[in-house]
Each structure stands twice: as C-alpha cells, then as structure tokens.
C-alpha cells in the first residue's frame, strides 16, 4: 500500500497531467478555429472581389444563364441549378433505399441482416469517388444511352452516381437512430395489438424521422460538394437542362475544370472563387439545418 507521503506527489502528478491535457486540447481547438477562419476569410475575400473589384453584377452572376468569360458573361445560374438538381435527385433516390436498408438491419432481420449489409455499406463508403465516376462512365452511361433518349451522360447519370455515394451516409445515421430507439416504445405498440409493419410506419419512423432527415441533409451536403464523379458523367455543358437526360454542369465541376486554366486575380479566376464561396455558404446552410433537426429531435 502507498503511504500518506506519496499522496501529495500523486495529486501533483495528476494535476500536471490534467493541465498538460487541457493545454494540448486548447491549442488544437484554437488551431482548428484559426484554420477555419482563415479558409472562410480567404474564400470570401476572393469571392467578393468579383463584385467589388471586377464590377460584375451580383444579379447577373446569380441569375444569368450565359457563361462566357471571353465575352465578360459570368452567369452562374446553370451551375447552381445543376448542383441543386443533382443533389436533390440523389437524395430522392438514396433516401428510401437507405431507410429500407436500416429497417431491414434493425427491425426485420436484425440477427443476420446487419452481418449481411454492414460490410457492403462500409465498402461503399470506402470506395474513392473516381472509381464511382469511372464505373458510371463505363457501365451506367452506355446503359442510359441504349435505354433512354440522349447520349447517356446527363443529370440522371450524375444523380444515380451521387445516390450510390451518399447511400452509406444516410444508412449509417438511420441505423444508429433505429438502434438507439427505446425497446419499451415498440413493446407498447405491440401490446396495443399493432403488427410489426404498423409499428414501423406508425411509431418507429415518426419517432426517428428527425434523425433520418439529418442523414438526408448530410448526404445532400456531400452530394452538393462532390466534383470528380459527377464531372465524369454529367457532360459539363454550361446551360440549364430541360430534361434529366441532357448534359449539365455543377459548381464543383466548372471549378475543377477551369481553375487551373485561369490567372490568379483575373475576372474569371475571381468568378470561380465566387462559386467556391457559394459552395461554402451552402455548407453552412446544411450545417444549420442539421442543427435545427437535432434540436427538434431533443425537444
């Protein structure tokens, strides 16, 4: 046994370790805050330069439909529209599949369903985006070309590729929410005479709906910022599509395709930074929506 004389030494040692841990954690947090503020400041200053220095009209930039830097036309509406359209379609396709997969693993056959689907979902989450794009270009695009009107590349192909990419995100969050559901809630429903399916759509899904919506929003956030996979299958045409089978473009696609071909400080370069600022603002909006959904879930 340790003597009473060793107690002050142990206390001083624990306090020293605690102060070291606090100091290290504080430094890391401050470092992260500085990085985030620096990124926001850099992107914002470069993005605002398009309107403050180069005198590009904000309304023309947001609502213009012509993107022709050589003629000083910087209408970004086709790219904004393409980003929102593909992200929404991807969420519409992936959400039912993800919720059904989560219900299958947790409510229908929890004994072996999770063992079957969990490795598949983890595999989908670990595949690089360039592989999704290459598979979509090699398999999905020819299928779309032979089945539907058009050349195969377009909004529909981009949305399908994105839906597969965001499937693991929505499924994982839905599975965690369903697994954390109190057991007595389901037992009370069964005790009142409800069947399993009545319990699922009448009790379970309404209870975990905020968490499911959180997963959908996070999946849309990933889809909205995806560049390479969409760029390979969407066609990268700078116009607003009138059909799901027409070529289009997204904010991330036009940035990655043109940023290396512009001169730093030029009007076109600043316009691309303005698109990056829109992406950053949309990320903040997605985070804000997630916080609102989490707050509603707590209430």
Foldseek 3Di string as FASTA:
>chain_A
DDDPVCVVVVVVVVVVVVVVVVVVVVVVVVVVVVVVVVVLVVLVVLQCCLCPPVVDDPCQQDAPQDPDVVVPRRHCPLQALLLVLLLVLLLVVQLVVLLVLLCCCQPPCVVCSCVVCVVVLVVLQPDDLLVLLVCLLVPQQVVCVVPDDARSFASVSLSNSLNSNLNSQLNVQSNVLLVPDDPVQLVVVVVVPDDSVCCVVVPRCVLCVLSSVLSSLVSSLVSSQDENSSLSRQQPDSGHDPDRRDHGHHLNPVLVVPCVVDDPPDSVNSSNSSSVSVSVVVNVVSVVSNVVSVVVSVD
